[in-house]
Structure formats: C-alpha cells, structure tokens
C-alpha cells in the first residue's frame, strides 16, 4: 500500500530522533508478508461496490489489527492510539486531513471476520511456509514447552462470572487461572512452528504429541514432559515413537547426584542451553507484545490471538536477526 507524503510526515521527518515505536513499525512494515496475508483475507472481506457504507481498505484494517496485537490494545484503545500517534498513523496509512481513523466497531467486525474463518491460523501457517522457503525455518528437531496466559479471575463484570472455558492450573506452589499456550519451536532457528491452546488445567505432557513435526528426529522438553515416550498417543504412533525424546531430569533428582554427578549435571546444562530457545518467543509475546493476560473470553478467540501473536513473534525474531522472507539465491540452494 503506497503512502502519500502529508504535512504530518514532513513534521515527523524534522524530529531529531526516531522513537522506538516508529523504528519498530518501520521494521515490521518491511518484513510483514502483506500480499500473502491480504490474499488469504480478501475472499472473506466485504466485496467492493456492495450495498451500504463503503468498506474500509483491507490493508488499513489489517494494519490496525496488527497494531492491536503488537501493543495489546482494546478496539477503542487502538483507535485512540492511532489518533494520538503519528508513527501509527503513518503505518496504517491514514491522513487525518482527508479521512478518519477506522473506528472501534469497524475493527471489531474485521477481527470477527478473521476469527470466524480461522484466518489467524491460516496466516500463521502461510508465514511458516514462507520462512521454510526462505531457508530460515530449519528441519530435523523441535523444542516443546508451554506457558500460562492468565484470565481475569474477578466476577465483578457484566456477566457476574469468570470465563467459562478457562480453568485453574498449578505450577510449583502457584495457581493460575486461564489458558495454557503450548508451542513447538524449531530447534535450529528458535522460531515457533506449531501452536496449541488449552485450558490451564491440561498438562504439558498431554499435548506433546501435537507439537512435533512429521519429519522431526528429536525433541527437547523440560521435566514436565517426563514419560512422554510411554504415552499411548506417542507409543502407538510409528513416527512419534521413533522420535528421540530428550527430556530434562527433575530438579529434585539433580540435587541428589552429589559430587559424583558432575557429568550428569553437565549433560543437563547442555540440554538447558538448547531448550532456552523456546523462552525467546514467550518473552516477545508476553513482555514485548503484552499478551500475558487474555482480553477475550473463550478458547476459540484466544487460540486465534495465540496464532497471530506467535506469527508476529516469528517476524520480530527474524527481523531482529537481520534475516528476510526472500528465498535464498539459486547458488545457495544448490
């Protein structure tokens, strides 16, 4: 989408320093696969020339939605943020001299189009296909892990109740109410290739089989995946039973090794250094993007948000590494 130069752009160009938000949005603008994602959405979007008020530009709405995910904004908050921020206005392509920012209701309807048609999952899959074609996503092994996404536990709301599809889960001595995001991460690149979302009371072990790719030869996991090879869904599957499951020992068993266990502790340290890659996407999604607590109710809506959040985390990590989605040269592929 081409952007015309406005008076606001000229004023922005005169600033002595580029803000971190503006630099981030420029970086994302350059790497997001706009054409591919818009092509996925267009068959489900409003037809041009239809009855009623003309639909907003698809590219603008997609950009508004990504801003909402990157900065964890409500529909109204996203509208206000774009009105307040010149960097966001430029990213969306809105010139306030001639048009208005898409309002909260329009953004809500756009998000529902994506959710009702499973488009966030499709966009995540399409991005990973592009990463695979570009040689960024590697093959052969995975790392699996899970993290809690909290939901509001208060009942002081219009419905007088908590999210009926969320549940309580325990980690250590702490209880968490909400959901659990399970991910499979490429062991080579550290990028997320598979996402699943369950209520918080579903164990990590129960979802391990769904996070491994068909061609994975090995899979790393923390001590929460102890016994995964004996699970019926793994032992009863030819491909999964052939995977080398490299699972960390429980911390309590490592402490009992004593002075003679230096070799075993060294092995556990090397396992941990590999597994550490899975923490980076969690850091980006929960700390940089702010999705540590759900904004919507229901498993389906939050699964859509999880797919979009980890897709955008992959893009952020690829951009941070100085890579792109361009396929490698023919000579490099040969």
Protein backbone atom coordinates (compact mmCIF):
# COMPACT_ATOMS: atom_id res chain seq x y z
CA UNK A 1 0.00 0.00 0.00
CA UNK A 2 1.57 3.27 -1.14
CA UNK A 3 1.65 6.14 1.32
CA UNK A 4 1.42 9.74 0.18
CA UNK A 5 3.56 12.32 1.94
CA UNK A 6 1.50 14.51 4.26
CA UNK A 7 2.22 17.58 6.37
CA UNK A 8 2.40 15.26 9.37
CA UNK A 9 5.09 13.21 7.63
CA UNK A 10 7.12 16.34 6.95
CA UNK A 11 6.85 17.36 10.59
CA UNK A 12 7.81 13.82 11.65
CA UNK A 13 10.84 13.91 9.36
CA UNK A 14 12.07 17.01 11.19
CA UNK A 15 12.36 15.20 14.50
CA UNK A 16 15.88 14.86 15.86
CA UNK A 17 15.39 11.24 16.94
CA UNK A 18 13.26 8.36 15.72
CA UNK A 19 11.21 6.86 18.54
CA UNK A 20 11.47 3.17 19.34
CA UNK A 21 7.83 2.72 18.33
CA UNK A 22 8.40 4.34 14.93
CA UNK A 23 11.57 2.28 14.35
CA UNK A 24 9.75 -0.93 15.29
CA UNK A 25 6.83 -0.18 12.96
CA UNK A 26 9.18 0.62 10.08
CA UNK A 27 10.97 -2.67 10.68
CA UNK A 28 7.71 -4.62 10.75
CA UNK A 29 6.33 -2.79 7.70
CA UNK A 30 9.32 -4.04 5.73
CA UNK A 31 9.03 -7.71 6.74
CA UNK A 32 5.30 -8.48 7.11
CA UNK A 33 4.09 -10.52 4.08
CA UNK A 34 1.31 -8.08 3.23
CA UNK A 35 0.41 -9.51 -0.18
CA UNK A 36 0.14 -13.10 1.05
CA UNK A 37 -1.88 -12.24 4.14
CA UNK A 38 -4.24 -9.93 2.28
CA UNK A 39 -4.80 -12.62 -0.33
CA UNK A 40 -5.92 -15.01 2.43
CA UNK A 41 -8.37 -12.49 3.88
CA UNK A 42 -9.80 -10.97 0.68
CA UNK A 43 -12.26 -13.81 -0.18
CA UNK A 44 -13.93 -13.29 3.21
CA UNK A 45 -13.85 -9.48 3.22
CA UNK A 46 -16.59 -7.16 2.03
CA UNK A 47 -17.00 -7.02 -1.73
CA UNK A 48 -16.25 -3.60 -3.26
CA UNK A 49 -19.28 -1.75 -4.54
CA UNK A 50 -21.69 -3.56 -2.26
CA UNK A 51 -24.71 -2.01 -0.59
CA UNK A 52 -24.32 0.25 2.43
CA UNK A 53 -21.37 2.28 3.58
CA UNK A 54 -18.19 1.62 1.57
CA UNK A 55 -15.85 -0.80 3.34
CA UNK A 56 -12.54 0.45 4.65
CA UNK A 57 -9.43 -0.56 2.76
CA UNK A 58 -8.43 -4.14 3.62
CA UNK A 59 -4.77 -3.18 4.01
CA UNK A 60 -5.64 -0.46 6.52
CA UNK A 61 -7.77 -2.82 8.58
CA UNK A 62 -5.06 -5.48 8.64
CA UNK A 63 -2.55 -2.88 9.82
CA UNK A 64 -4.93 -1.71 12.55
CA UNK A 65 -5.38 -5.30 13.70
CA UNK A 66 -1.62 -5.90 13.85
CA UNK A 67 -1.19 -2.74 15.92
CA UNK A 68 -3.80 -4.13 18.29
CA UNK A 69 -1.78 -7.35 18.67
CA UNK A 70 1.64 -5.70 18.94
CA UNK A 71 0.58 -3.24 21.65
CA UNK A 72 -2.18 -5.32 23.34
CA UNK A 73 -4.87 -2.72 22.73
CA UNK A 74 -8.65 -2.92 23.01
CA UNK A 75 -10.71 -1.86 19.99
CA UNK A 76 -11.29 1.60 21.48
CA UNK A 77 -7.71 1.78 22.72
CA UNK A 78 -6.37 1.00 19.25
CA UNK A 79 -8.49 3.74 17.69
CA UNK A 80 -7.28 6.23 20.32
CA UNK A 81 -3.65 5.17 19.92
CA UNK A 82 -3.72 5.74 16.16
CA UNK A 83 -5.33 9.15 16.70
CA UNK A 84 -2.57 10.07 19.16
CA UNK A 85 0.47 8.65 17.38
CA UNK A 86 1.90 10.00 14.13
CA UNK A 87 4.00 6.85 13.74
CA UNK A 88 0.88 4.69 13.92
CA UNK A 89 -1.00 6.94 11.51
CA UNK A 90 1.82 6.59 9.01
CA UNK A 91 1.93 2.82 9.50
CA UNK A 92 -1.82 2.46 8.93
CA UNK A 93 -1.72 4.91 6.02
CA UNK A 94 -4.31 7.34 7.40
CA UNK A 95 -4.17 11.04 6.53
CA UNK A 96 -6.34 12.87 9.06
CA UNK A 97 -6.63 15.82 6.68
CA UNK A 98 -8.80 13.75 4.36
CA UNK A 99 -10.10 10.68 6.25
CA UNK A 100 -10.88 9.32 9.67
CA UNK A 101 -9.17 6.53 11.56
CA UNK A 102 -11.18 3.28 11.35
CA UNK A 103 -13.36 3.25 14.44
CA UNK A 104 -13.54 0.61 17.16
CA UNK A 105 -16.68 -1.04 15.77
CA UNK A 106 -15.12 -1.42 12.32
CA UNK A 107 -12.04 -3.01 13.90
CA UNK A 108 -14.25 -5.35 15.95
CA UNK A 109 -16.09 -6.53 12.82
CA UNK A 110 -12.80 -7.06 10.99
CA UNK A 111 -11.41 -9.15 13.85
CA UNK A 112 -14.55 -11.27 13.88
CA UNK A 113 -14.15 -11.96 10.15
CA UNK A 114 -10.67 -13.31 10.91
CA UNK A 115 -11.81 -15.36 13.91
CA UNK A 116 -14.95 -16.82 12.31
CA UNK A 117 -12.99 -18.10 9.29
CA UNK A 118 -9.86 -19.34 11.05
CA UNK A 119 -7.73 -16.79 9.23
CA UNK A 120 -5.22 -16.17 12.02
CA UNK A 121 -4.28 -19.86 11.92
CA UNK A 122 -4.04 -19.71 8.13
CA UNK A 123 -1.83 -16.60 8.31
CA UNK A 124 0.45 -18.34 10.82
CA UNK A 125 0.73 -21.38 8.54
CA UNK A 126 1.39 -19.23 5.46
CA UNK A 127 4.14 -17.30 7.25
CA UNK A 128 5.84 -20.51 8.32
CA UNK A 129 5.69 -21.77 4.73
CA UNK A 130 7.44 -18.56 3.63
CA UNK A 131 10.07 -18.99 6.37
CA UNK A 132 10.62 -22.55 5.18
CA UNK A 133 11.00 -21.43 1.55
CA UNK A 134 13.44 -18.71 2.61
CA UNK A 135 15.61 -21.23 4.43
CA UNK A 136 15.06 -19.56 7.80
CA UNK A 137 12.96 -22.34 9.35
CA UNK A 138 15.07 -25.48 9.71
CA UNK A 139 14.12 -29.13 9.98
CA UNK A 140 15.00 -32.20 11.98
CA UNK A 141 14.25 -31.30 15.58
CA UNK A 142 11.94 -29.38 17.88
CA UNK A 143 11.68 -28.00 21.39
CA UNK A 144 8.32 -28.11 23.18
CA UNK A 145 7.12 -26.02 26.10
CA UNK A 146 4.06 -24.26 27.46
CA UNK A 147 3.24 -21.05 29.29
CA UNK A 148 0.22 -19.77 31.19
CA UNK A 149 -1.89 -16.97 29.73
CA UNK A 150 -3.86 -15.60 32.66
CA UNK A 151 -7.55 -14.71 32.50
CA UNK A 152 -9.30 -12.26 34.85
CA UNK A 153 -10.47 -14.24 37.86
CA UNK A 154 -12.74 -11.50 39.15
CA UNK A 155 -16.52 -11.85 38.83
CA UNK A 156 -17.09 -8.10 39.07
CA UNK A 157 -18.26 -7.77 35.47
CA UNK A 158 -21.45 -7.55 33.46
CA UNK A 159 -21.83 -11.35 33.31
CA UNK A 160 -21.09 -11.86 37.04
CA UNK A 161 -18.76 -14.72 36.24
CA UNK A 162 -15.36 -15.83 35.02
CA UNK A 163 -14.52 -17.14 31.56
CA UNK A 164 -16.40 -20.49 31.49
CA UNK A 165 -13.80 -22.12 29.19
CA UNK A 166 -10.81 -21.14 31.32
CA UNK A 167 -9.62 -23.29 34.21
CA UNK A 168 -7.10 -23.35 37.03
CA UNK A 169 -3.66 -24.90 36.67
CA UNK A 170 -0.84 -25.26 39.16
CA UNK A 171 2.88 -24.78 38.65
CA UNK A 172 5.02 -25.35 41.70
CA UNK A 173 3.13 -23.74 44.55
CA UNK A 174 1.34 -21.17 42.42
CA UNK A 175 -2.14 -21.45 40.91
CA UNK A 176 -3.01 -19.83 37.57
CA UNK A 177 -6.47 -19.24 36.14
CA UNK A 178 -6.80 -19.02 32.38
CA UNK A 179 -5.28 -20.85 29.45
CA UNK A 180 -2.04 -22.53 28.52
CA UNK A 181 -0.22 -21.86 25.25
CA UNK A 182 1.67 -24.93 24.04
CA UNK A 183 4.28 -24.41 21.32
CA UNK A 184 6.65 -26.44 19.21
CA UNK A 185 9.79 -24.47 18.35
CA UNK A 186 12.29 -25.27 15.62
CA UNK A 187 15.47 -26.38 17.40
CA UNK A 188 17.69 -24.73 14.80
CA UNK A 189 16.15 -21.28 14.38
CA UNK A 190 14.15 -20.88 17.59
CA UNK A 191 11.01 -19.99 15.61
CA UNK A 192 7.56 -21.33 16.51
CA UNK A 193 6.19 -23.85 14.03
CA UNK A 194 3.17 -25.18 15.97
CA UNK A 195 0.74 -23.54 18.41
CA UNK A 196 -1.98 -25.10 20.57
CA UNK A 197 -4.11 -23.51 23.28
CA UNK A 198 -5.86 -25.37 26.08
CA UNK A 199 -7.40 -24.55 29.44
CA UNK A 200 -4.72 -24.14 32.11
CA UNK A 201 -5.50 -27.49 33.75
CA UNK A 202 -4.32 -29.51 30.71
CA UNK A 203 -0.84 -30.89 31.38
CA UNK A 204 2.13 -30.19 29.13
CA UNK A 205 2.60 -33.93 28.71
CA UNK A 206 -0.87 -34.41 27.20
CA UNK A 207 -0.11 -32.01 24.32
CA UNK A 208 3.46 -33.05 23.44
CA UNK A 209 2.38 -35.32 20.56
CA UNK A 210 0.58 -32.43 18.82
CA UNK A 211 3.64 -30.16 18.79
CA UNK A 212 6.08 -32.35 16.83
CA UNK A 213 6.52 -32.16 13.06
CA UNK A 214 6.31 -35.36 10.97
CA UNK A 215 10.00 -35.16 9.99
CA UNK A 216 11.41 -34.40 13.46
CA UNK A 217 14.09 -36.84 14.57
CA UNK A 218 14.45 -35.48 18.11
CA UNK A 219 12.53 -33.29 20.52
CA UNK A 220 13.70 -31.46 23.66
CA UNK A 221 11.45 -30.82 26.64
CA UNK A 222 11.72 -29.84 30.28
CA UNK A 223 10.97 -32.16 33.18
CA UNK A 224 7.25 -31.60 32.73
CA UNK A 225 7.45 -33.99 29.75
CA UNK A 226 8.90 -36.89 31.77
CA UNK A 227 7.44 -40.15 30.50
CA UNK A 228 6.31 -38.73 27.17
CA UNK A 229 7.62 -41.75 25.22
CA UNK A 230 5.26 -44.03 27.20
CA UNK A 231 2.14 -42.01 26.43
CA UNK A 232 -0.32 -44.07 24.32
CA UNK A 233 -0.62 -41.37 21.64
CA UNK A 234 3.19 -41.46 21.25
CA UNK A 235 3.95 -45.15 21.77
CA UNK A 236 1.11 -46.14 19.45
CA UNK A 237 2.28 -43.92 16.58
CA UNK A 238 5.13 -45.14 14.38
CA UNK A 239 6.55 -41.69 13.63
CA UNK A 240 6.25 -40.32 17.17
CA UNK A 241 7.69 -43.44 18.79
CA UNK A 242 10.76 -43.07 16.55
CA UNK A 243 11.43 -39.55 17.84
CA UNK A 244 14.33 -39.23 20.29
CA UNK A 245 12.67 -37.51 23.25
CA UNK A 246 15.39 -35.63 25.17
CA UNK A 247 13.73 -34.70 28.45
CA UNK A 248 15.38 -32.88 31.34
CA UNK A 249 15.69 -34.56 34.70
CA UNK A 250 13.58 -33.27 37.53
CA UNK A 251 15.45 -30.62 39.57
CA UNK A 252 15.00 -32.67 42.75
CA UNK A 253 16.80 -35.65 41.18
CA UNK A 254 19.70 -33.46 40.01
CA UNK A 255 20.26 -32.21 43.55
CA UNK A 256 20.67 -35.75 44.85
CA UNK A 257 23.53 -36.59 42.45
CA UNK A 258 26.20 -35.32 44.86
CA UNK A 259 29.82 -34.65 43.95
CA UNK A 260 29.99 -37.68 41.65
CA UNK A 261 27.25 -36.33 39.43
CA UNK A 262 29.25 -33.62 37.65
CA UNK A 263 28.98 -35.46 34.34
CA UNK A 264 25.19 -35.74 34.61
CA UNK A 265 24.92 -32.09 35.60
CA UNK A 266 26.95 -31.20 32.52
CA UNK A 267 24.50 -33.11 30.33
CA UNK A 268 21.56 -31.33 31.95
CA UNK A 269 23.29 -27.99 31.40
CA UNK A 270 23.69 -28.72 27.69
CA UNK A 271 20.03 -29.76 27.46
CA UNK A 272 19.02 -26.50 29.12
CA UNK A 273 21.13 -24.46 26.68
CA UNK A 274 19.17 -25.98 23.78
CA UNK A 275 15.79 -25.61 25.48
CA UNK A 276 16.50 -21.94 26.20
CA UNK A 277 15.50 -21.08 22.62
CA UNK A 278 11.85 -21.75 23.43
CA UNK A 279 11.81 -18.97 26.02
CA UNK A 280 12.51 -16.21 23.50
CA UNK A 281 9.13 -16.40 21.68
CA UNK A 282 7.42 -16.43 25.09
CA UNK A 283 9.39 -13.33 26.07
CA UNK A 284 8.37 -11.50 22.91
CA UNK A 285 4.69 -12.44 23.15
CA UNK A 286 4.22 -11.87 26.88
CA UNK A 287 6.60 -8.99 27.59
CA UNK A 288 7.14 -7.10 24.34
CA UNK A 289 3.58 -7.57 22.99
CA UNK A 290 1.97 -7.63 26.43
CA UNK A 291 -0.17 -10.76 25.90
CA UNK A 292 0.27 -12.18 29.39
CA UNK A 293 -3.45 -11.88 30.17
CA UNK A 294 -6.41 -12.61 27.91
CA UNK A 295 -8.63 -9.81 26.67
CA UNK A 296 -11.36 -12.03 25.19
CA UNK A 297 -13.47 -14.89 26.52
CA UNK A 298 -13.50 -18.37 25.06
CA UNK A 299 -10.98 -20.84 23.73
CA UNK A 300 -11.58 -20.09 20.03
CA UNK A 301 -10.95 -16.35 20.27
CA UNK A 302 -7.86 -16.80 22.39
CA UNK A 303 -6.49 -19.51 20.10
CA UNK A 304 -6.83 -17.07 17.19
CA UNK A 305 -4.93 -14.48 19.22
CA UNK A 306 -2.25 -17.05 20.09
CA UNK A 307 -1.70 -17.93 16.41
CA UNK A 308 -1.39 -14.26 15.48
CA UNK A 309 0.86 -13.40 18.42
CA UNK A 310 3.35 -16.18 17.71
CA UNK A 311 3.31 -15.41 13.99
CA UNK A 312 4.23 -11.80 14.78
CA UNK A 313 6.84 -13.01 17.28
CA UNK A 314 8.44 -15.06 14.49
CA UNK A 315 8.55 -11.95 12.30
CA UNK A 316 10.08 -9.87 15.09
CA UNK A 317 12.76 -12.50 15.75
CA UNK A 318 13.58 -12.85 12.05
CA UNK A 319 13.87 -9.06 11.68
CA UNK A 320 16.00 -8.83 14.83
CA UNK A 321 18.37 -11.41 13.35
CA UNK A 322 18.71 -9.36 10.15
CA UNK A 323 17.02 -12.03 8.00
CA UNK A 324 14.20 -11.65 5.48
CA UNK A 325 11.47 -13.72 3.85
CA UNK A 326 13.22 -13.67 0.46
CA UNK A 327 14.13 -17.13 -0.89
CA UNK A 328 17.87 -17.84 -0.93
CA UNK A 329 19.76 -17.44 -4.24
CA UNK A 330 19.79 -20.43 -6.55
CA UNK A 331 23.51 -20.93 -5.95
CA UNK A 332 22.97 -21.11 -2.19
CA UNK A 333 20.13 -23.62 -2.60
CA UNK A 334 22.27 -25.80 -4.89
